[in-house]
Amino acid sequence: MKKTSFTATLLLAILSLTTSLILSACGGPLGPLGGGKLSGEEATLPNGDWSFAQGIEVVQLETQPADPQSINIWIGVLDDQLYLPTSLILGEEDPAERGWVQQVTANPSIRLRVNGVVYPAQAQRVSDAALIAQVKSFMLQKYEEEATPQSDKAWIYRIDPRP
């Protein structure tokens, strides 16, 4: 019995170590698994114009500059402005319960990796109801999704260049 328990513990430790090494080596999230600090060339966003990201499906969002955490996330670009939804189809229905949202609420300084280039930015929660509805509608159409309880309750963040 003790040998089986030791073997299982050893295998779990090896798996955990391997997973940690893989995630730290990839310089960001790996599929649905979150990651740490984003790797890539860092650039300044020219004139706050995100039009180059119009057709991109997924980018990587890094929060918590002191202890970087990163995730893959959908985006929407309207009028050259980039928006992030808290969630449109999966996860917590209450946006405030999402880890990255809590982190952005505490510190809106983020980094966004788009096509391998990392942009320092600020996340600003959108409060205008008409704009929220427009962004949600655009994004549901872009990703060919139906409205869900998550999309109904989703918050929208506008991403601005960091001052």
N, C-alpha and C. Protein backbone atom coordinates (compact mmCIF):
# COMPACT_ATOMS: atom_id res chain seq x y z
N MET A 1 0.81 -1.20 0.00
CA MET A 1 0.00 0.00 0.00
C MET A 1 0.86 1.27 0.00
N LYS A 2 1.91 1.29 0.84
CA LYS A 2 2.75 2.47 0.93
C LYS A 2 3.50 2.72 -0.37
N LYS A 3 3.93 1.66 -1.06
CA LYS A 3 4.66 1.82 -2.32
C LYS A 3 3.75 2.45 -3.38
N THR A 4 2.49 2.03 -3.44
CA THR A 4 1.54 2.59 -4.39
C THR A 4 1.30 4.06 -4.09
N SER A 5 1.15 4.41 -2.83
CA SER A 5 0.93 5.80 -2.44
C SER A 5 2.15 6.65 -2.79
N PHE A 6 3.35 6.14 -2.54
CA PHE A 6 4.58 6.85 -2.87
C PHE A 6 4.69 7.04 -4.37
N THR A 7 4.40 6.00 -5.13
CA THR A 7 4.48 6.07 -6.59
C THR A 7 3.49 7.10 -7.14
N ALA A 8 2.27 7.08 -6.61
CA ALA A 8 1.26 8.05 -7.05
C ALA A 8 1.69 9.48 -6.71
N THR A 9 2.24 9.67 -5.52
CA THR A 9 2.71 10.99 -5.11
C THR A 9 3.86 11.45 -6.00
N LEU A 10 4.78 10.55 -6.28
CA LEU A 10 5.91 10.87 -7.14
C LEU A 10 5.45 11.24 -8.55
N LEU A 11 4.51 10.46 -9.10
CA LEU A 11 3.99 10.76 -10.44
C LEU A 11 3.29 12.11 -10.47
N LEU A 12 2.52 12.41 -9.42
CA LEU A 12 1.83 13.69 -9.34
C LEU A 12 2.84 14.84 -9.26
N ALA A 13 3.89 14.66 -8.49
CA ALA A 13 4.92 15.69 -8.38
C ALA A 13 5.62 15.90 -9.73
N ILE A 14 5.93 14.83 -10.44
CA ILE A 14 6.57 14.93 -11.75
C ILE A 14 5.65 15.63 -12.74
N LEU A 15 4.37 15.26 -12.73
CA LEU A 15 3.40 15.89 -13.62
C LEU A 15 3.27 17.38 -13.32
N SER A 16 3.21 17.74 -12.05
CA SER A 16 3.10 19.16 -11.67
C SER A 16 4.33 19.93 -12.12
N LEU A 17 5.50 19.37 -11.90
CA LEU A 17 6.74 20.02 -12.30
C LEU A 17 6.81 20.18 -13.82
N THR A 18 6.43 19.14 -14.55
CA THR A 18 6.44 19.18 -16.01
C THR A 18 5.48 20.24 -16.52
N THR A 19 4.28 20.28 -15.95
CA THR A 19 3.29 21.28 -16.35
C THR A 19 3.81 22.67 -16.09
N SER A 20 4.41 22.90 -14.92
CA SER A 20 4.95 24.21 -14.58
C SER A 20 6.04 24.62 -15.57
N LEU A 21 6.92 23.69 -15.90
CA LEU A 21 7.99 23.99 -16.84
C LEU A 21 7.45 24.33 -18.22
N ILE A 22 6.48 23.57 -18.68
CA ILE A 22 5.88 23.82 -20.00
C ILE A 22 5.23 25.20 -20.02
N LEU A 23 4.44 25.51 -18.98
CA LEU A 23 3.75 26.79 -18.95
C LEU A 23 4.71 27.96 -18.84
N SER A 24 5.76 27.80 -18.06
CA SER A 24 6.72 28.91 -17.94
C SER A 24 7.54 29.07 -19.21
N ALA A 25 7.75 28.00 -19.93
CA ALA A 25 8.56 28.06 -21.15
C ALA A 25 7.80 28.67 -22.32
N CYS A 26 6.49 28.62 -22.30
CA CYS A 26 5.74 29.08 -23.47
C CYS A 26 5.52 30.59 -23.47
N GLY A 27 5.86 31.29 -22.38
CA GLY A 27 5.76 32.74 -22.36
C GLY A 27 4.34 33.25 -22.43
N GLY A 28 3.42 32.53 -21.82
CA GLY A 28 2.03 32.95 -21.79
C GLY A 28 1.12 31.76 -21.63
N PRO A 29 -0.17 31.94 -21.83
CA PRO A 29 -1.12 30.84 -21.64
C PRO A 29 -0.95 29.77 -22.71
N LEU A 30 -1.36 28.58 -22.36
CA LEU A 30 -1.30 27.45 -23.28
C LEU A 30 -2.71 26.90 -23.40
N GLY A 31 -3.38 27.22 -24.52
CA GLY A 31 -4.78 26.81 -24.69
C GLY A 31 -5.63 27.39 -23.58
N PRO A 32 -6.42 26.53 -22.90
CA PRO A 32 -7.28 27.03 -21.83
C PRO A 32 -6.55 27.24 -20.51
N LEU A 33 -5.28 26.83 -20.44
CA LEU A 33 -4.52 26.98 -19.20
C LEU A 33 -3.86 28.35 -19.15
N GLY A 34 -4.01 29.01 -18.03
CA GLY A 34 -3.40 30.32 -17.85
C GLY A 34 -1.89 30.20 -17.80
N GLY A 35 -1.23 31.31 -18.02
CA GLY A 35 0.22 31.35 -17.99
C GLY A 35 0.71 32.51 -17.15
N GLY A 36 1.96 32.84 -17.31
CA GLY A 36 2.59 33.93 -16.59
C GLY A 36 2.87 35.10 -17.51
N LYS A 37 4.05 35.69 -17.32
CA LYS A 37 4.45 36.86 -18.09
C LYS A 37 4.50 36.53 -19.58
N LEU A 38 3.94 37.42 -20.39
CA LEU A 38 3.94 37.23 -21.83
C LEU A 38 5.32 37.52 -22.42
N SER A 39 5.74 36.67 -23.32
CA SER A 39 6.99 36.91 -24.04
C SER A 39 6.65 37.54 -25.38
N GLY A 40 7.64 38.16 -25.99
CA GLY A 40 7.46 38.76 -27.30
C GLY A 40 8.03 40.17 -27.34
N GLU A 41 8.20 40.65 -28.55
CA GLU A 41 8.68 42.02 -28.75
C GLU A 41 7.66 42.98 -28.15
N GLU A 42 8.12 43.99 -27.42
CA GLU A 42 7.21 44.97 -26.85
C GLU A 42 7.19 46.20 -27.74
N ALA A 43 6.00 46.74 -27.97
CA ALA A 43 5.84 47.90 -28.84
C ALA A 43 4.81 48.85 -28.25
N THR A 44 4.87 50.09 -28.69
CA THR A 44 3.89 51.09 -28.29
C THR A 44 2.82 51.17 -29.37
N LEU A 45 1.59 51.24 -28.96
CA LEU A 45 0.48 51.31 -29.91
C LEU A 45 0.45 52.70 -30.55
N PRO A 46 0.59 52.78 -31.87
CA PRO A 46 0.58 54.10 -32.51
C PRO A 46 -0.81 54.73 -32.50
N ASN A 47 -0.91 55.89 -31.87
CA ASN A 47 -2.14 56.69 -31.86
C ASN A 47 -3.36 55.95 -31.31
N GLY A 48 -3.17 54.91 -30.53
CA GLY A 48 -4.30 54.18 -29.97
C GLY A 48 -5.15 53.48 -31.01
N ASP A 49 -4.60 53.23 -32.19
CA ASP A 49 -5.33 52.64 -33.32
C ASP A 49 -5.11 51.12 -33.35
N TRP A 50 -6.18 50.37 -33.03
CA TRP A 50 -6.13 48.91 -33.02
C TRP A 50 -6.66 48.30 -34.32
N SER A 51 -6.80 49.08 -35.37
CA SER A 51 -7.42 48.56 -36.61
C SER A 51 -6.68 47.34 -37.16
N PHE A 52 -5.37 47.25 -36.93
CA PHE A 52 -4.60 46.10 -37.42
C PHE A 52 -5.06 44.78 -36.79
N ALA A 53 -5.77 44.85 -35.67
CA ALA A 53 -6.23 43.64 -34.97
C ALA A 53 -7.65 43.24 -35.35
N GLN A 54 -8.23 43.91 -36.32
CA GLN A 54 -9.64 43.70 -36.70
C GLN A 54 -10.01 42.23 -36.92
N GLY A 55 -9.24 41.49 -37.67
CA GLY A 55 -9.61 40.11 -38.00
C GLY A 55 -9.07 39.06 -37.05
N ILE A 56 -8.43 39.47 -35.99
CA ILE A 56 -7.83 38.51 -35.06
C ILE A 56 -8.89 37.94 -34.13
N GLU A 57 -8.82 36.63 -33.92
CA GLU A 57 -9.81 35.94 -33.07
C GLU A 57 -9.43 35.97 -31.59
N VAL A 58 -8.17 35.65 -31.28
CA VAL A 58 -7.73 35.49 -29.89
C VAL A 58 -6.42 36.20 -29.67
N VAL A 59 -6.31 36.89 -28.54
CA VAL A 59 -5.06 37.51 -28.11
C VAL A 59 -4.76 37.02 -26.71
N GLN A 60 -3.61 37.41 -26.19
CA GLN A 60 -3.26 37.04 -24.83
C GLN A 60 -3.27 38.30 -23.97
N LEU A 61 -3.91 38.17 -22.82
CA LEU A 61 -4.04 39.27 -21.86
C LEU A 61 -3.20 38.94 -20.64
N GLU A 62 -2.34 39.87 -20.25
CA GLU A 62 -1.54 39.72 -19.02
C GLU A 62 -2.00 40.74 -18.01
N THR A 63 -2.27 40.28 -16.80
CA THR A 63 -2.67 41.16 -15.70
C THR A 63 -1.62 41.06 -14.60
N GLN A 64 -1.78 41.86 -13.57
CA GLN A 64 -0.92 41.85 -12.38
C GLN A 64 0.55 42.03 -12.70
N PRO A 65 0.99 43.24 -13.00
CA PRO A 65 2.40 43.44 -13.35
C PRO A 65 3.39 42.88 -12.33
N ALA A 66 3.06 42.92 -11.04
CA ALA A 66 3.99 42.44 -10.01
C ALA A 66 4.10 40.92 -9.99
N ASP A 67 3.04 40.23 -10.38
CA ASP A 67 3.01 38.76 -10.42
C ASP A 67 2.20 38.37 -11.66
N PRO A 68 2.77 38.50 -12.86
CA PRO A 68 2.01 38.38 -14.10
C PRO A 68 1.24 37.06 -14.24
N GLN A 69 -0.01 37.22 -14.67
CA GLN A 69 -0.90 36.11 -15.01
C GLN A 69 -1.41 36.40 -16.41
N SER A 70 -1.54 35.37 -17.24
CA SER A 70 -2.02 35.61 -18.61
C SER A 70 -3.04 34.57 -19.03
N ILE A 71 -3.93 35.00 -19.91
CA ILE A 71 -4.98 34.14 -20.45
C ILE A 71 -5.16 34.44 -21.93
N ASN A 72 -5.80 33.51 -22.63
CA ASN A 72 -6.26 33.76 -24.00
C ASN A 72 -7.64 34.38 -23.90
N ILE A 73 -7.92 35.33 -24.78
CA ILE A 73 -9.20 36.03 -24.69
C ILE A 73 -9.63 36.51 -26.07
N TRP A 74 -10.96 36.55 -26.27
CA TRP A 74 -11.53 37.08 -27.50
C TRP A 74 -11.44 38.60 -27.49
N ILE A 75 -11.46 39.18 -28.70
CA ILE A 75 -11.44 40.64 -28.82
C ILE A 75 -12.46 41.09 -29.87
N GLY A 76 -12.79 42.35 -29.76
CA GLY A 76 -13.60 43.00 -30.78
C GLY A 76 -12.98 44.35 -31.08
N VAL A 77 -12.88 44.72 -32.35
CA VAL A 77 -12.35 46.02 -32.74
C VAL A 77 -13.45 46.77 -33.49
N LEU A 78 -13.89 47.87 -32.89
CA LEU A 78 -14.90 48.74 -33.50
C LEU A 78 -14.33 50.15 -33.56
N ASP A 79 -14.44 50.78 -34.70
CA ASP A 79 -13.93 52.16 -34.88
C ASP A 79 -12.49 52.28 -34.37
N ASP A 80 -11.67 51.30 -34.73
CA ASP A 80 -10.24 51.27 -34.39
C ASP A 80 -9.96 51.12 -32.89
N GLN A 81 -11.00 50.88 -32.10
CA GLN A 81 -10.85 50.71 -30.66
C GLN A 81 -11.00 49.23 -30.31
N LEU A 82 -10.15 48.72 -29.42
CA LEU A 82 -10.19 47.31 -29.05
C LEU A 82 -10.98 47.13 -27.75
N TYR A 83 -11.83 46.09 -27.75
CA TYR A 83 -12.66 45.78 -26.58
C TYR A 83 -12.47 44.32 -26.19
N LEU A 84 -12.54 44.06 -24.88
CA LEU A 84 -12.51 42.72 -24.33
C LEU A 84 -13.79 42.47 -23.56
N PRO A 85 -14.44 41.32 -23.78
CA PRO A 85 -15.60 40.96 -22.95
C PRO A 85 -15.13 40.13 -21.76
N THR A 86 -15.85 40.20 -20.65
CA THR A 86 -15.49 39.35 -19.52
C THR A 86 -15.77 37.89 -19.86
N SER A 87 -16.84 37.62 -20.55
CA SER A 87 -17.16 36.29 -21.08
C SER A 87 -18.44 36.42 -21.87
N LEU A 88 -18.50 35.71 -22.97
CA LEU A 88 -19.73 35.72 -23.75
C LEU A 88 -20.45 34.38 -23.70
N ILE A 89 -19.72 33.29 -23.44
CA ILE A 89 -20.39 31.99 -23.51
C ILE A 89 -20.07 31.04 -22.37
N LEU A 90 -18.93 31.18 -21.71
CA LEU A 90 -18.52 30.21 -20.69
C LEU A 90 -18.11 30.89 -19.40
N GLY A 91 -18.00 30.10 -18.35
CA GLY A 91 -17.44 30.59 -17.10
C GLY A 91 -18.46 31.19 -16.16
N GLU A 92 -17.94 31.92 -15.21
CA GLU A 92 -18.78 32.54 -14.19
C GLU A 92 -19.76 33.53 -14.84
N GLU A 93 -21.02 33.45 -14.40
CA GLU A 93 -22.00 34.41 -14.92
C GLU A 93 -21.77 35.79 -14.33
N ASP A 94 -21.25 35.87 -13.10
CA ASP A 94 -20.96 37.14 -12.47
C ASP A 94 -19.55 37.55 -12.85
N PRO A 95 -19.40 38.57 -13.68
CA PRO A 95 -18.05 38.96 -14.14
C PRO A 95 -17.08 39.23 -12.99
N ALA A 96 -17.58 39.74 -11.87
CA ALA A 96 -16.71 40.07 -10.75
C ALA A 96 -16.06 38.83 -10.13
N GLU A 97 -16.55 37.64 -10.45
CA GLU A 97 -15.99 36.40 -9.92
C GLU A 97 -14.85 35.85 -10.78
N ARG A 98 -14.62 36.42 -11.93
CA ARG A 98 -13.55 35.96 -12.80
C ARG A 98 -12.22 36.52 -12.30
N GLY A 99 -11.21 35.66 -12.24
CA GLY A 99 -9.92 36.06 -11.69
C GLY A 99 -9.30 37.26 -12.39
N TRP A 100 -9.29 37.23 -13.73
CA TRP A 100 -8.64 38.32 -14.44
C TRP A 100 -9.38 39.65 -14.25
N VAL A 101 -10.70 39.57 -14.07
CA VAL A 101 -11.49 40.79 -13.85
C VAL A 101 -11.13 41.40 -12.48
N GLN A 102 -11.01 40.54 -11.48
CA GLN A 102 -10.60 41.02 -10.16
C GLN A 102 -9.23 41.68 -10.23
N GLN A 103 -8.33 41.09 -11.01
CA GLN A 103 -6.98 41.62 -11.13
C GLN A 103 -6.98 42.97 -11.86
N VAL A 104 -7.78 43.10 -12.91
CA VAL A 104 -7.86 44.36 -13.66
C VAL A 104 -8.56 45.43 -12.83
N THR A 105 -9.52 45.04 -12.02
CA THR A 105 -10.19 45.99 -11.14
C THR A 105 -9.20 46.56 -10.13
N ALA A 106 -8.32 45.70 -9.61
CA ALA A 106 -7.32 46.13 -8.64
C ALA A 106 -6.22 46.97 -9.29
N ASN A 107 -5.86 46.63 -10.54
CA ASN A 107 -4.80 47.35 -11.25
C ASN A 107 -5.08 47.26 -12.75
N PRO A 108 -5.54 48.34 -13.37
CA PRO A 108 -5.92 48.30 -14.79
C PRO A 108 -4.74 48.27 -15.76
N SER A 109 -3.51 48.30 -15.26
CA SER A 109 -2.34 48.19 -16.15
C SER A 109 -2.22 46.75 -16.62
N ILE A 110 -2.27 46.58 -17.93
CA ILE A 110 -2.21 45.25 -18.52
C ILE A 110 -1.18 45.24 -19.63
N ARG A 111 -0.95 44.07 -20.18
CA ARG A 111 -0.18 43.91 -21.42
C ARG A 111 -1.02 43.00 -22.30
N LEU A 112 -1.04 43.31 -23.58
CA LEU A 112 -1.82 42.53 -24.54
C LEU A 112 -0.89 42.07 -25.64
N ARG A 113 -0.87 40.75 -25.90
CA ARG A 113 -0.02 40.23 -26.99
C ARG A 113 -0.91 39.95 -28.19
N VAL A 114 -0.58 40.62 -29.29
CA VAL A 114 -1.32 40.49 -30.54
C VAL A 114 -0.31 40.07 -31.61
N ASN A 115 -0.52 38.88 -32.19
CA ASN A 115 0.39 38.36 -33.21
C ASN A 115 1.86 38.40 -32.77
N GLY A 116 2.11 38.04 -31.52
CA GLY A 116 3.47 37.95 -31.02
C GLY A 116 4.06 39.24 -30.50
N VAL A 117 3.38 40.37 -30.69
CA VAL A 117 3.87 41.66 -30.22
C VAL A 117 3.09 42.03 -28.96
N VAL A 118 3.81 42.49 -27.93
CA VAL A 118 3.21 42.82 -26.64
C VAL A 118 3.06 44.33 -26.51
N TYR A 119 1.83 44.76 -26.18
CA TYR A 119 1.52 46.18 -26.04
C TYR A 119 1.14 46.50 -24.60
N PRO A 120 1.89 47.39 -23.94
CA PRO A 120 1.46 47.86 -22.62
C PRO A 120 0.17 48.67 -22.81
N ALA A 121 -0.80 48.44 -21.94
CA ALA A 121 -2.09 49.11 -22.12
C ALA A 121 -2.80 49.27 -20.78
N GLN A 122 -3.95 49.92 -20.84
CA GLN A 122 -4.83 50.12 -19.70
C GLN A 122 -6.20 49.57 -20.06
N ALA A 123 -6.82 48.86 -19.13
CA ALA A 123 -8.17 48.36 -19.33
C ALA A 123 -9.15 49.30 -18.63
N GLN A 124 -10.10 49.79 -19.37
CA GLN A 124 -11.10 50.71 -18.83
C GLN A 124 -12.49 50.10 -19.03
N ARG A 125 -13.19 49.83 -17.94
CA ARG A 125 -14.53 49.25 -18.05
C ARG A 125 -15.47 50.26 -18.70
N VAL A 126 -16.20 49.79 -19.71
CA VAL A 126 -17.16 50.63 -20.43
C VAL A 126 -18.44 50.71 -19.61
N SER A 127 -18.96 51.93 -19.46
CA SER A 127 -20.20 52.11 -18.69
C SER A 127 -21.38 52.55 -19.56
N ASP A 128 -21.13 52.98 -20.78
CA ASP A 128 -22.18 53.43 -21.67
C ASP A 128 -22.99 52.24 -22.18
N ALA A 129 -24.27 52.18 -21.80
CA ALA A 129 -25.12 51.04 -22.13
C ALA A 129 -25.25 50.80 -23.64
N ALA A 130 -25.36 51.86 -24.41
CA ALA A 130 -25.50 51.70 -25.86
C ALA A 130 -24.22 51.11 -26.46
N LEU A 131 -23.06 51.57 -26.00
CA LEU A 131 -21.80 51.04 -26.51
C LEU A 131 -21.61 49.59 -26.09
N ILE A 132 -21.97 49.26 -24.86
CA ILE A 132 -21.88 47.87 -24.38
C ILE A 132 -22.72 46.97 -25.28
N ALA A 133 -23.95 47.38 -25.56
CA ALA A 133 -24.84 46.59 -26.41
C ALA A 133 -24.27 46.44 -27.81
N GLN A 134 -23.69 47.51 -28.35
CA GLN A 134 -23.10 47.47 -29.69
C GLN A 134 -21.91 46.51 -29.74
N VAL A 135 -21.04 46.58 -28.75
CA VAL A 135 -19.86 45.71 -28.72
C VAL A 135 -20.28 44.25 -28.55
N LYS A 136 -21.21 43.98 -27.63
CA LYS A 136 -21.66 42.61 -27.43
C LYS A 136 -22.29 42.04 -28.70
N SER A 137 -23.12 42.82 -29.35
CA SER A 137 -23.76 42.37 -30.58
C SER A 137 -22.71 42.07 -31.65
N PHE A 138 -21.75 42.97 -31.81
CA PHE A 138 -20.69 42.78 -32.78
C PHE A 138 -19.91 41.50 -32.48
N MET A 139 -19.56 41.30 -31.22
CA MET A 139 -18.74 40.15 -30.86
C MET A 139 -19.50 38.83 -30.98
N LEU A 140 -20.75 38.81 -30.60
CA LEU A 140 -21.54 37.58 -30.76
C LEU A 140 -21.64 37.21 -32.24
N GLN A 141 -21.80 38.21 -33.08
CA GLN A 141 -21.85 37.96 -34.52
C GLN A 141 -20.48 37.50 -35.03
N LYS A 142 -19.42 38.16 -34.61
CA LYS A 142 -18.07 37.81 -35.04
C LYS A 142 -17.74 36.35 -34.72
N TYR A 143 -18.09 35.91 -33.51
CA TYR A 143 -17.76 34.56 -33.07
C TYR A 143 -18.88 33.56 -33.31
N GLU A 144 -19.91 34.01 -34.02
CA GLU A 144 -21.04 33.16 -34.39
C GLU A 144 -21.63 32.45 -33.18
N GLU A 145 -21.92 33.23 -32.14
CA GLU A 145 -22.48 32.71 -30.89
C GLU A 145 -23.85 33.34 -30.64
N GLU A 146 -24.67 32.59 -29.93
CA GLU A 146 -25.97 33.10 -29.47
C GLU A 146 -25.79 33.74 -28.10
N ALA A 147 -26.66 34.65 -27.77
CA ALA A 147 -26.62 35.27 -26.45
C ALA A 147 -26.83 34.20 -25.37
N THR A 148 -26.14 34.36 -24.25
CA THR A 148 -26.23 33.44 -23.12
C THR A 148 -26.37 34.27 -21.85
N PRO A 149 -26.63 33.63 -20.71
CA PRO A 149 -26.62 34.41 -19.46
C PRO A 149 -25.27 35.12 -19.26
N GLN A 150 -24.17 34.49 -19.68
CA GLN A 150 -22.87 35.13 -19.56
C GLN A 150 -22.78 36.38 -20.44
N SER A 151 -23.25 36.27 -21.68
CA SER A 151 -23.15 37.44 -22.56
C SER A 151 -24.09 38.55 -22.11
N ASP A 152 -25.24 38.17 -21.56
CA ASP A 152 -26.16 39.19 -21.05
C ASP A 152 -25.55 39.98 -19.90
N LYS A 153 -24.78 39.29 -19.05
CA LYS A 153 -24.20 39.92 -17.87
C LYS A 153 -22.75 40.39 -18.08
N ALA A 154 -22.17 40.09 -19.23
CA ALA A 154 -20.76 40.40 -19.47
C ALA A 154 -20.46 41.89 -19.34
N TRP A 155 -19.30 42.16 -18.81
CA TRP A 155 -18.77 43.51 -18.80
C TRP A 155 -17.88 43.65 -20.04
N ILE A 156 -17.73 44.87 -20.48
CA ILE A 156 -16.87 45.17 -21.63
C ILE A 156 -15.78 46.13 -21.18
N TYR A 157 -14.55 45.82 -21.57
CA TYR A 157 -13.41 46.70 -21.29
C TYR A 157 -12.88 47.28 -22.59
N ARG A 158 -12.62 48.58 -22.57
CA ARG A 158 -11.94 49.24 -23.68
C ARG A 158 -10.45 49.22 -23.34
N ILE A 159 -9.62 48.93 -24.32
CA ILE A 159 -8.18 48.86 -24.10
C ILE A 159 -7.51 50.09 -24.71
N ASP A 160 -6.89 50.87 -23.85
CA ASP A 160 -6.23 52.11 -24.25
C ASP A 160 -4.73 51.97 -24.08
N PRO A 161 -3.95 52.76 -24.84
CA PRO A 161 -2.49 52.76 -24.61
C PRO A 161 -2.20 53.19 -23.18
N ARG A 162 -1.17 52.64 -22.60
CA ARG A 162 -0.78 53.03 -21.25
C ARG A 162 -0.14 54.40 -21.31
N PRO A 163 -0.57 55.29 -20.38
CA PRO A 163 0.00 56.65 -20.37
C PRO A 163 1.48 56.64 -19.99
